């Protein structure tokens, strides 16, 4: 949040269409949301402007870079090209929802351990693509990991540390499940 403004204002611009507001009901990071929004607002703008969840980034605005990736109903999606209304009754997870009880998730910790982030701009999208993969396949091979993150661009790491971090997180998550 920009320190120059209070919660009723923001530093981001969504140009209101002037159309009548429409109701949106969804669940974001486990919390029920019911609000009225501009029907032309993207899901990314809704998350950032309305809910103040700034983890998802707008890189290209065309669904090509993956910086805006979130999980909606179990699938990694580019929130910059999805209208917020398409999330009606959806279950959404953003990078802010990955932590458990205020602690970083295994996946987040492994990204740090393997230096799978540098500038950090792509990191939220990479984490969400990786989380969606691990949720449906807890033991992915390298090819499957590469396919899962293929829509996420990183200009800093060369992808190798990201692949290692996801591989390690998958192993640690499987071990944790066995110990429960």
N, C-alpha and C. Protein backbone atom coordinates (compact mmCIF):
# COMPACT_ATOMS: atom_id res chain seq x y z
N UNK A 1 0.85 -1.19 0.00
CA UNK A 1 0.00 0.00 0.00
C UNK A 1 0.88 1.22 0.00
N UNK A 2 0.56 2.17 -0.81
CA UNK A 2 1.31 3.41 -0.87
C UNK A 2 1.11 4.18 0.43
N UNK A 3 2.19 4.57 1.06
CA UNK A 3 2.10 5.26 2.34
C UNK A 3 1.49 6.65 2.23
N UNK A 4 1.38 7.17 1.02
CA UNK A 4 0.79 8.50 0.83
C UNK A 4 -0.73 8.47 0.95
N UNK A 5 -1.32 7.29 0.89
CA UNK A 5 -2.77 7.17 0.85
C UNK A 5 -3.29 6.30 1.97
N UNK A 6 -4.54 6.50 2.31
CA UNK A 6 -5.17 5.60 3.27
C UNK A 6 -5.84 4.46 2.51
N UNK A 7 -6.49 3.56 3.22
CA UNK A 7 -7.08 2.37 2.57
C UNK A 7 -8.17 2.68 1.57
N UNK A 8 -8.77 3.85 1.61
CA UNK A 8 -9.85 4.15 0.67
C UNK A 8 -9.32 4.63 -0.68
N UNK A 9 -8.04 4.85 -0.77
CA UNK A 9 -7.44 5.29 -2.03
C UNK A 9 -6.32 4.34 -2.41
N UNK A 10 -5.94 4.35 -3.69
CA UNK A 10 -4.81 3.53 -4.08
C UNK A 10 -3.99 4.24 -5.15
N UNK A 11 -2.82 3.70 -5.40
CA UNK A 11 -1.90 4.29 -6.36
C UNK A 11 -2.04 3.68 -7.74
N UNK A 12 -3.00 2.78 -7.92
CA UNK A 12 -3.16 2.08 -9.18
C UNK A 12 -4.39 2.59 -9.89
N UNK A 13 -4.37 2.49 -11.19
CA UNK A 13 -5.46 3.04 -11.96
C UNK A 13 -6.25 1.95 -12.64
N UNK A 14 -7.54 1.97 -12.39
CA UNK A 14 -8.47 1.18 -13.19
C UNK A 14 -9.47 2.20 -13.70
N UNK A 15 -9.56 2.32 -14.99
CA UNK A 15 -10.48 3.29 -15.58
C UNK A 15 -11.88 2.69 -15.60
N UNK A 16 -12.73 3.21 -14.74
CA UNK A 16 -14.09 2.71 -14.62
C UNK A 16 -14.82 2.91 -15.94
N UNK A 17 -15.54 1.89 -16.37
CA UNK A 17 -16.25 1.94 -17.65
C UNK A 17 -17.51 2.79 -17.60
N UNK A 18 -17.99 3.07 -16.41
CA UNK A 18 -19.24 3.80 -16.28
C UNK A 18 -20.46 2.90 -16.33
N UNK A 19 -20.24 1.63 -16.60
CA UNK A 19 -21.35 0.66 -16.60
C UNK A 19 -21.80 0.40 -15.17
N UNK A 20 -23.03 -0.05 -15.00
CA UNK A 20 -23.50 -0.35 -13.65
C UNK A 20 -22.62 -1.41 -12.99
N UNK A 21 -22.36 -1.25 -11.71
CA UNK A 21 -21.57 -2.22 -10.95
C UNK A 21 -22.33 -3.54 -10.88
N UNK A 22 -21.58 -4.62 -10.84
CA UNK A 22 -22.16 -5.94 -10.75
C UNK A 22 -21.58 -6.66 -9.54
N UNK A 23 -22.36 -7.58 -9.02
CA UNK A 23 -21.95 -8.30 -7.82
C UNK A 23 -20.95 -9.40 -8.16
N UNK A 24 -19.95 -9.55 -7.32
CA UNK A 24 -18.97 -10.63 -7.44
C UNK A 24 -18.85 -11.33 -6.10
N UNK A 25 -19.07 -12.63 -6.11
CA UNK A 25 -18.87 -13.48 -4.94
C UNK A 25 -17.77 -14.47 -5.28
N UNK A 26 -16.78 -14.58 -4.42
CA UNK A 26 -15.73 -15.56 -4.61
C UNK A 26 -15.02 -15.78 -3.28
N UNK A 27 -14.12 -16.72 -3.27
CA UNK A 27 -13.29 -16.96 -2.09
C UNK A 27 -11.85 -16.71 -2.50
N UNK A 28 -11.17 -15.85 -1.73
CA UNK A 28 -9.78 -15.51 -2.02
C UNK A 28 -8.94 -15.84 -0.80
N UNK A 29 -8.00 -16.74 -0.98
CA UNK A 29 -7.11 -17.17 0.10
C UNK A 29 -7.90 -17.60 1.34
N UNK A 30 -9.00 -18.31 1.08
CA UNK A 30 -9.81 -18.86 2.16
C UNK A 30 -10.83 -17.91 2.75
N UNK A 31 -10.88 -16.67 2.28
CA UNK A 31 -11.83 -15.70 2.82
C UNK A 31 -12.90 -15.38 1.79
N UNK A 32 -14.14 -15.38 2.25
CA UNK A 32 -15.27 -15.07 1.38
C UNK A 32 -15.27 -13.59 1.02
N UNK A 33 -15.49 -13.30 -0.27
CA UNK A 33 -15.54 -11.93 -0.76
C UNK A 33 -16.87 -11.72 -1.48
N UNK A 34 -17.56 -10.67 -1.12
CA UNK A 34 -18.79 -10.28 -1.80
C UNK A 34 -18.74 -8.78 -1.98
N UNK A 35 -18.71 -8.34 -3.23
CA UNK A 35 -18.58 -6.91 -3.49
C UNK A 35 -19.19 -6.57 -4.85
N UNK A 36 -19.28 -5.30 -5.14
CA UNK A 36 -19.76 -4.82 -6.43
C UNK A 36 -18.59 -4.19 -7.17
N UNK A 37 -18.44 -4.57 -8.44
CA UNK A 37 -17.30 -4.12 -9.22
C UNK A 37 -17.72 -3.66 -10.62
N UNK A 38 -16.83 -2.94 -11.26
CA UNK A 38 -16.98 -2.58 -12.66
C UNK A 38 -16.90 -3.87 -13.48
N UNK A 39 -17.86 -4.13 -14.36
CA UNK A 39 -17.85 -5.40 -15.11
C UNK A 39 -16.69 -5.54 -16.09
N UNK A 40 -15.95 -4.46 -16.35
CA UNK A 40 -14.81 -4.55 -17.27
C UNK A 40 -13.49 -4.76 -16.54
N UNK A 41 -13.51 -4.82 -15.22
CA UNK A 41 -12.28 -4.96 -14.43
C UNK A 41 -11.68 -6.35 -14.59
N UNK A 42 -10.37 -6.41 -14.77
CA UNK A 42 -9.70 -7.71 -14.83
C UNK A 42 -9.56 -8.28 -13.42
N UNK A 43 -9.34 -9.57 -13.36
CA UNK A 43 -9.14 -10.21 -12.08
C UNK A 43 -7.88 -9.67 -11.40
N UNK A 44 -6.85 -9.41 -12.16
CA UNK A 44 -5.62 -8.83 -11.60
C UNK A 44 -5.92 -7.48 -10.96
N UNK A 45 -6.64 -6.61 -11.66
CA UNK A 45 -6.97 -5.31 -11.09
C UNK A 45 -7.85 -5.44 -9.86
N UNK A 46 -8.77 -6.39 -9.87
CA UNK A 46 -9.61 -6.63 -8.70
C UNK A 46 -8.76 -7.03 -7.50
N UNK A 47 -7.86 -7.98 -7.69
CA UNK A 47 -7.01 -8.44 -6.59
C UNK A 47 -6.13 -7.32 -6.05
N UNK A 48 -5.55 -6.55 -6.95
CA UNK A 48 -4.62 -5.49 -6.52
C UNK A 48 -5.36 -4.25 -6.02
N UNK A 49 -6.33 -3.77 -6.77
CA UNK A 49 -6.98 -2.50 -6.43
C UNK A 49 -8.03 -2.64 -5.34
N UNK A 50 -8.84 -3.67 -5.42
CA UNK A 50 -9.95 -3.81 -4.48
C UNK A 50 -9.55 -4.56 -3.21
N UNK A 51 -8.77 -5.63 -3.37
CA UNK A 51 -8.42 -6.45 -2.21
C UNK A 51 -7.04 -6.12 -1.63
N UNK A 52 -6.30 -5.26 -2.31
CA UNK A 52 -4.96 -4.84 -1.85
C UNK A 52 -4.01 -6.03 -1.72
N UNK A 53 -4.13 -6.98 -2.63
CA UNK A 53 -3.22 -8.11 -2.70
C UNK A 53 -2.23 -7.81 -3.82
N UNK A 54 -1.05 -7.36 -3.45
CA UNK A 54 -0.10 -6.83 -4.43
C UNK A 54 0.94 -7.84 -4.91
N UNK A 55 0.82 -9.11 -4.51
CA UNK A 55 1.79 -10.11 -4.93
C UNK A 55 1.78 -10.36 -6.43
N UNK A 56 0.61 -10.50 -7.00
CA UNK A 56 0.50 -10.72 -8.45
C UNK A 56 0.88 -9.43 -9.16
N UNK A 57 1.69 -9.56 -10.19
CA UNK A 57 2.21 -8.38 -10.89
C UNK A 57 1.64 -8.30 -12.30
N UNK A 58 1.57 -7.08 -12.82
CA UNK A 58 1.25 -6.92 -14.24
C UNK A 58 2.54 -6.69 -14.98
N UNK A 59 2.91 -7.67 -15.78
CA UNK A 59 4.13 -7.56 -16.58
C UNK A 59 3.79 -7.12 -17.99
N UNK A 60 3.03 -7.94 -18.69
CA UNK A 60 2.75 -7.68 -20.10
C UNK A 60 1.32 -7.22 -20.33
N UNK A 61 0.39 -7.60 -19.47
CA UNK A 61 -1.02 -7.27 -19.66
C UNK A 61 -1.67 -8.05 -20.80
N UNK A 62 -0.97 -9.07 -21.30
CA UNK A 62 -1.47 -9.85 -22.43
C UNK A 62 -1.46 -11.36 -22.18
N UNK A 63 -1.17 -11.77 -20.96
CA UNK A 63 -1.15 -13.20 -20.63
C UNK A 63 0.04 -13.95 -21.16
N UNK A 64 1.14 -13.25 -21.43
CA UNK A 64 2.31 -13.89 -22.02
C UNK A 64 3.46 -14.12 -21.05
N UNK A 65 3.54 -13.34 -19.96
CA UNK A 65 4.75 -13.39 -19.11
C UNK A 65 4.58 -14.19 -17.83
N UNK A 66 3.36 -14.38 -17.35
CA UNK A 66 3.12 -15.18 -16.16
C UNK A 66 3.29 -14.45 -14.83
N UNK A 67 3.64 -13.18 -14.85
CA UNK A 67 3.84 -12.44 -13.59
C UNK A 67 2.55 -12.32 -12.78
N UNK A 68 1.41 -12.45 -13.44
CA UNK A 68 0.11 -12.29 -12.79
C UNK A 68 -0.54 -13.62 -12.43
N UNK A 69 0.19 -14.73 -12.53
CA UNK A 69 -0.38 -16.05 -12.33
C UNK A 69 -0.93 -16.23 -10.92
N UNK A 70 -2.15 -16.74 -10.86
CA UNK A 70 -2.80 -17.12 -9.61
C UNK A 70 -3.40 -18.51 -9.83
N UNK A 71 -3.97 -19.08 -8.79
CA UNK A 71 -4.67 -20.35 -8.95
C UNK A 71 -6.16 -20.07 -8.78
N UNK A 72 -6.94 -20.47 -9.78
CA UNK A 72 -8.39 -20.33 -9.70
C UNK A 72 -9.01 -21.70 -9.94
N UNK A 73 -9.76 -22.17 -8.97
CA UNK A 73 -10.40 -23.49 -9.04
C UNK A 73 -9.41 -24.59 -9.40
N UNK A 74 -8.19 -24.49 -8.84
CA UNK A 74 -7.18 -25.52 -9.03
C UNK A 74 -6.28 -25.37 -10.23
N UNK A 75 -6.52 -24.36 -11.05
CA UNK A 75 -5.72 -24.17 -12.27
C UNK A 75 -4.93 -22.86 -12.21
N UNK A 76 -3.69 -22.91 -12.67
CA UNK A 76 -2.89 -21.69 -12.80
C UNK A 76 -3.45 -20.89 -13.97
N UNK A 77 -3.78 -19.63 -13.71
CA UNK A 77 -4.31 -18.77 -14.78
C UNK A 77 -3.60 -17.43 -14.76
N UNK A 78 -3.61 -16.78 -15.90
CA UNK A 78 -3.07 -15.42 -16.02
C UNK A 78 -4.19 -14.44 -15.69
N UNK A 79 -4.13 -13.84 -14.52
CA UNK A 79 -5.22 -12.99 -14.05
C UNK A 79 -5.35 -11.67 -14.81
N UNK A 80 -4.35 -11.32 -15.61
CA UNK A 80 -4.43 -10.06 -16.37
C UNK A 80 -5.36 -10.15 -17.57
N UNK A 81 -5.70 -11.38 -17.99
CA UNK A 81 -6.56 -11.53 -19.16
C UNK A 81 -7.90 -12.18 -18.83
N UNK A 82 -8.20 -12.27 -17.55
CA UNK A 82 -9.46 -12.84 -17.10
C UNK A 82 -10.28 -11.72 -16.46
N UNK A 83 -11.52 -11.57 -16.88
CA UNK A 83 -12.38 -10.59 -16.22
C UNK A 83 -12.67 -11.06 -14.81
N UNK A 84 -12.73 -10.13 -13.89
CA UNK A 84 -13.01 -10.47 -12.49
C UNK A 84 -14.32 -11.22 -12.38
N UNK A 85 -15.29 -10.87 -13.21
CA UNK A 85 -16.60 -11.55 -13.15
C UNK A 85 -16.51 -13.04 -13.47
N UNK A 86 -15.48 -13.43 -14.20
CA UNK A 86 -15.30 -14.85 -14.50
C UNK A 86 -14.93 -15.65 -13.25
N UNK A 87 -14.61 -14.94 -12.18
CA UNK A 87 -14.28 -15.58 -10.91
C UNK A 87 -15.49 -15.73 -10.01
N UNK A 88 -16.69 -15.52 -10.54
CA UNK A 88 -17.90 -15.68 -9.75
C UNK A 88 -17.94 -17.08 -9.14
N UNK A 89 -18.06 -17.14 -7.83
CA UNK A 89 -18.13 -18.38 -7.06
C UNK A 89 -16.86 -19.23 -7.14
N UNK A 90 -15.76 -18.63 -7.58
CA UNK A 90 -14.50 -19.36 -7.71
C UNK A 90 -13.73 -19.37 -6.40
N UNK A 91 -12.83 -20.33 -6.31
CA UNK A 91 -11.87 -20.40 -5.22
C UNK A 91 -10.53 -19.94 -5.77
N UNK A 92 -10.02 -18.84 -5.24
CA UNK A 92 -8.80 -18.22 -5.75
C UNK A 92 -7.71 -18.28 -4.69
N UNK A 93 -6.51 -18.62 -5.12
CA UNK A 93 -5.35 -18.56 -4.23
C UNK A 93 -4.32 -17.67 -4.90
N UNK A 94 -3.84 -16.69 -4.16
CA UNK A 94 -2.76 -15.81 -4.63
C UNK A 94 -1.50 -16.17 -3.84
N UNK A 95 -0.41 -15.57 -4.20
CA UNK A 95 0.85 -15.85 -3.50
C UNK A 95 0.74 -15.53 -2.01
N UNK A 96 -0.09 -14.58 -1.67
CA UNK A 96 -0.28 -14.24 -0.26
C UNK A 96 -0.93 -15.38 0.52
N UNK A 97 -1.61 -16.27 -0.18
CA UNK A 97 -2.28 -17.39 0.45
C UNK A 97 -1.43 -18.65 0.59
N UNK A 98 -0.18 -18.59 0.17
CA UNK A 98 0.68 -19.78 0.24
C UNK A 98 1.21 -20.05 1.64
N UNK A 99 1.37 -19.03 2.45
CA UNK A 99 1.95 -19.25 3.78
C UNK A 99 0.98 -20.03 4.66
N UNK A 100 1.56 -20.69 5.63
CA UNK A 100 0.75 -21.49 6.56
C UNK A 100 0.99 -20.97 7.97
N UNK A 101 -0.08 -20.49 8.60
CA UNK A 101 0.00 -19.96 9.96
C UNK A 101 1.10 -18.89 10.11
N UNK A 102 1.21 -18.03 9.11
CA UNK A 102 2.19 -16.95 9.16
C UNK A 102 3.61 -17.37 8.81
N UNK A 103 3.81 -18.63 8.43
CA UNK A 103 5.14 -19.12 8.07
C UNK A 103 5.19 -19.41 6.58
N UNK A 104 6.35 -19.21 5.99
CA UNK A 104 6.51 -19.53 4.57
C UNK A 104 6.23 -21.00 4.32
N UNK A 105 5.63 -21.28 3.19
CA UNK A 105 5.39 -22.66 2.79
C UNK A 105 6.71 -23.32 2.41
N UNK A 106 6.70 -24.64 2.33
CA UNK A 106 7.89 -25.37 1.89
C UNK A 106 8.35 -24.86 0.53
N UNK A 107 7.41 -24.67 -0.38
CA UNK A 107 7.76 -24.19 -1.72
C UNK A 107 8.45 -22.83 -1.65
N UNK A 108 7.91 -21.93 -0.87
CA UNK A 108 8.53 -20.61 -0.73
C UNK A 108 9.93 -20.71 -0.13
N UNK A 109 10.07 -21.54 0.89
CA UNK A 109 11.38 -21.71 1.53
C UNK A 109 12.41 -22.30 0.56
N UNK A 110 11.97 -23.23 -0.27
CA UNK A 110 12.91 -23.84 -1.22
C UNK A 110 13.33 -22.85 -2.30
N UNK A 111 12.45 -21.95 -2.68
CA UNK A 111 12.84 -20.90 -3.62
C UNK A 111 13.97 -20.06 -3.02
N UNK A 112 13.90 -19.80 -1.73
CA UNK A 112 14.95 -19.04 -1.06
C UNK A 112 16.22 -19.88 -0.97
N UNK A 113 16.09 -21.12 -0.53
CA UNK A 113 17.24 -22.01 -0.36
C UNK A 113 18.03 -22.17 -1.65
N UNK A 114 17.33 -22.30 -2.77
CA UNK A 114 17.99 -22.54 -4.05
C UNK A 114 18.25 -21.26 -4.85
N UNK A 115 18.09 -20.11 -4.21
CA UNK A 115 18.27 -18.82 -4.91
C UNK A 115 17.47 -18.78 -6.21
N UNK A 116 16.22 -19.24 -6.12
CA UNK A 116 15.36 -19.30 -7.30
C UNK A 116 14.64 -17.97 -7.52
N UNK A 117 15.17 -16.94 -6.94
CA UNK A 117 14.63 -15.60 -7.16
C UNK A 117 15.79 -14.62 -7.11
N UNK A 118 15.69 -13.61 -7.91
CA UNK A 118 16.72 -12.58 -7.86
C UNK A 118 16.02 -11.23 -7.77
N UNK A 119 15.54 -10.71 -8.87
CA UNK A 119 14.84 -9.42 -8.78
C UNK A 119 13.48 -9.60 -8.11
N UNK A 120 12.90 -10.80 -8.22
CA UNK A 120 11.65 -11.12 -7.54
C UNK A 120 10.39 -10.81 -8.33
N UNK A 121 10.48 -10.18 -9.47
CA UNK A 121 9.27 -9.79 -10.19
C UNK A 121 8.48 -11.01 -10.65
N UNK A 122 9.15 -12.03 -11.12
CA UNK A 122 8.45 -13.23 -11.62
C UNK A 122 8.11 -14.21 -10.51
N UNK A 123 8.69 -14.04 -9.34
CA UNK A 123 8.58 -15.04 -8.27
C UNK A 123 7.14 -15.39 -7.89
N UNK A 124 6.24 -14.43 -7.67
CA UNK A 124 4.87 -14.82 -7.32
C UNK A 124 4.22 -15.71 -8.38
N UNK A 125 4.39 -15.37 -9.64
CA UNK A 125 3.81 -16.18 -10.71
C UNK A 125 4.44 -17.56 -10.80
N UNK A 126 5.77 -17.63 -10.63
CA UNK A 126 6.46 -18.92 -10.63
C UNK A 126 5.96 -19.79 -9.48
N UNK A 127 5.83 -19.19 -8.30
CA UNK A 127 5.35 -19.95 -7.15
C UNK A 127 3.95 -20.49 -7.38
N UNK A 128 3.09 -19.68 -7.99
CA UNK A 128 1.71 -20.13 -8.20
C UNK A 128 1.63 -21.22 -9.27
N UNK A 129 2.42 -21.10 -10.32
CA UNK A 129 2.45 -22.17 -11.33
C UNK A 129 2.98 -23.46 -10.72
N UNK A 130 4.03 -23.33 -9.90
CA UNK A 130 4.60 -24.50 -9.24
C UNK A 130 3.60 -25.12 -8.25
N UNK A 131 2.90 -24.28 -7.50
CA UNK A 131 1.91 -24.77 -6.53
C UNK A 131 0.80 -25.53 -7.24
N UNK A 132 0.32 -25.00 -8.36
CA UNK A 132 -0.74 -25.68 -9.12
C UNK A 132 -0.24 -27.03 -9.61
N UNK A 133 1.01 -27.10 -10.06
CA UNK A 133 1.59 -28.37 -10.49
C UNK A 133 1.65 -29.36 -9.33
N UNK A 134 2.21 -28.94 -8.21
CA UNK A 134 2.39 -29.84 -7.07
C UNK A 134 1.06 -30.28 -6.47
N UNK A 135 0.05 -29.45 -6.59
CA UNK A 135 -1.27 -29.85 -6.09
C UNK A 135 -1.87 -30.99 -6.91
N UNK A 136 -1.58 -31.02 -8.20
CA UNK A 136 -2.14 -32.09 -9.03
C UNK A 136 -1.15 -33.23 -9.26
N UNK A 137 0.14 -32.98 -9.04
CA UNK A 137 1.16 -34.00 -9.25
C UNK A 137 2.26 -33.81 -8.20
N UNK A 138 2.19 -34.52 -7.09
CA UNK A 138 3.16 -34.32 -6.02
C UNK A 138 4.56 -34.86 -6.31
N UNK A 139 4.74 -35.54 -7.43
CA UNK A 139 6.05 -36.08 -7.77
C UNK A 139 6.38 -35.81 -9.24
N UNK A 140 6.48 -34.54 -9.64
CA UNK A 140 6.73 -34.25 -11.05
C UNK A 140 8.18 -34.49 -11.44
N UNK A 141 8.37 -34.87 -12.69
CA UNK A 141 9.73 -34.98 -13.20
C UNK A 141 10.14 -33.62 -13.79
N UNK A 142 11.37 -33.52 -14.23
CA UNK A 142 11.89 -32.25 -14.72
C UNK A 142 11.10 -31.73 -15.93
N UNK A 143 10.72 -32.63 -16.82
CA UNK A 143 9.96 -32.22 -18.00
C UNK A 143 8.61 -31.63 -17.59
N UNK A 144 7.95 -32.26 -16.62
CA UNK A 144 6.66 -31.75 -16.15
C UNK A 144 6.80 -30.39 -15.46
N UNK A 145 7.88 -30.21 -14.73
CA UNK A 145 8.13 -28.91 -14.09
C UNK A 145 8.35 -27.85 -15.15
N UNK A 146 9.15 -28.16 -16.14
CA UNK A 146 9.40 -27.20 -17.23
C UNK A 146 8.11 -26.83 -17.95
N UNK A 147 7.25 -27.81 -18.19
CA UNK A 147 5.97 -27.54 -18.84
C UNK A 147 5.10 -26.64 -17.96
N UNK A 148 5.11 -26.90 -16.65
CA UNK A 148 4.26 -26.12 -15.73
C UNK A 148 4.67 -24.66 -15.64
N UNK A 149 5.97 -24.39 -15.75
CA UNK A 149 6.44 -23.00 -15.65
C UNK A 149 6.74 -22.37 -17.00
N UNK A 150 6.36 -23.06 -18.07
CA UNK A 150 6.67 -22.57 -19.42
C UNK A 150 6.05 -21.20 -19.71
N UNK A 151 4.95 -20.88 -19.07
CA UNK A 151 4.30 -19.59 -19.29
C UNK A 151 4.79 -18.48 -18.39
N UNK A 152 5.84 -18.74 -17.63
CA UNK A 152 6.40 -17.75 -16.71
C UNK A 152 7.80 -17.37 -17.17
N UNK A 153 7.99 -16.10 -17.46
CA UNK A 153 9.30 -15.63 -17.90
C UNK A 153 10.12 -15.12 -16.74
N UNK A 154 11.40 -15.50 -16.73
CA UNK A 154 12.35 -15.01 -15.74
C UNK A 154 13.59 -14.56 -16.50
N UNK A 155 13.98 -13.34 -16.27
CA UNK A 155 15.15 -12.81 -16.97
C UNK A 155 16.42 -12.89 -16.14
N UNK A 156 16.31 -13.37 -14.90
CA UNK A 156 17.45 -13.32 -13.99
C UNK A 156 18.09 -14.67 -13.70
N UNK A 157 17.29 -15.71 -13.45
CA UNK A 157 17.84 -16.93 -12.85
C UNK A 157 18.31 -17.97 -13.84
N UNK A 158 17.85 -17.94 -15.07
CA UNK A 158 18.20 -19.01 -16.00
C UNK A 158 17.39 -20.27 -15.78
N UNK A 159 16.39 -20.24 -14.91
CA UNK A 159 15.43 -21.31 -14.65
C UNK A 159 15.98 -22.50 -13.88
N UNK A 160 17.28 -22.78 -13.94
CA UNK A 160 17.81 -23.97 -13.27
C UNK A 160 17.55 -23.96 -11.77
N UNK A 161 17.79 -22.85 -11.06
CA UNK A 161 17.49 -22.86 -9.63
C UNK A 161 15.99 -23.00 -9.34
N UNK A 162 15.16 -22.51 -10.23
CA UNK A 162 13.71 -22.63 -10.05
C UNK A 162 13.30 -24.10 -10.15
N UNK A 163 13.82 -24.79 -11.14
CA UNK A 163 13.52 -26.21 -11.32
C UNK A 163 14.01 -27.01 -10.12
N UNK A 164 15.21 -26.70 -9.64
CA UNK A 164 15.75 -27.40 -8.46
C UNK A 164 14.89 -27.13 -7.22
N UNK A 165 14.45 -25.89 -7.06
CA UNK A 165 13.62 -25.54 -5.90
C UNK A 165 12.30 -26.28 -5.93
N UNK A 166 11.67 -26.37 -7.10
CA UNK A 166 10.39 -27.08 -7.21
C UNK A 166 10.58 -28.57 -6.96
N UNK A 167 11.66 -29.14 -7.50
CA UNK A 167 11.96 -30.55 -7.29
C UNK A 167 12.15 -30.84 -5.80
N UNK A 168 12.93 -29.99 -5.14
CA UNK A 168 13.18 -30.17 -3.72
C UNK A 168 11.91 -29.99 -2.89
N UNK A 169 11.11 -28.98 -3.23
CA UNK A 169 9.85 -28.75 -2.51
C UNK A 169 8.93 -29.96 -2.65
N UNK A 170 8.86 -30.53 -3.84
CA UNK A 170 8.02 -31.70 -4.05
C UNK A 170 8.45 -32.84 -3.13
N UNK A 171 9.75 -33.07 -3.06
CA UNK A 171 10.28 -34.13 -2.20
C UNK A 171 9.95 -33.85 -0.74
N UNK A 172 10.22 -32.65 -0.27
CA UNK A 172 9.96 -32.30 1.12
C UNK A 172 8.48 -32.36 1.48
N UNK A 173 7.62 -31.95 0.55
CA UNK A 173 6.17 -32.02 0.80
C UNK A 173 5.71 -33.47 0.89
N UNK A 174 6.26 -34.34 0.04
CA UNK A 174 5.90 -35.76 0.12
C UNK A 174 6.35 -36.35 1.46
N UNK A 175 7.58 -35.99 1.88
CA UNK A 175 8.08 -36.47 3.16
C UNK A 175 7.21 -35.97 4.32
N UNK A 176 6.79 -34.71 4.25
CA UNK A 176 5.96 -34.15 5.31
C UNK A 176 4.61 -34.88 5.39
N UNK A 177 4.06 -35.21 4.24
CA UNK A 177 2.77 -35.92 4.21
C UNK A 177 2.91 -37.31 4.85
N UNK A 178 4.06 -37.98 4.65
CA UNK A 178 4.29 -39.29 5.23
C UNK A 178 4.41 -39.20 6.75
N UNK A 179 4.95 -38.09 7.23
CA UNK A 179 5.17 -37.93 8.67
C UNK A 179 3.94 -37.45 9.42
N UNK A 180 2.88 -37.10 8.73
CA UNK A 180 1.67 -36.63 9.39
C UNK A 180 0.80 -37.75 9.86
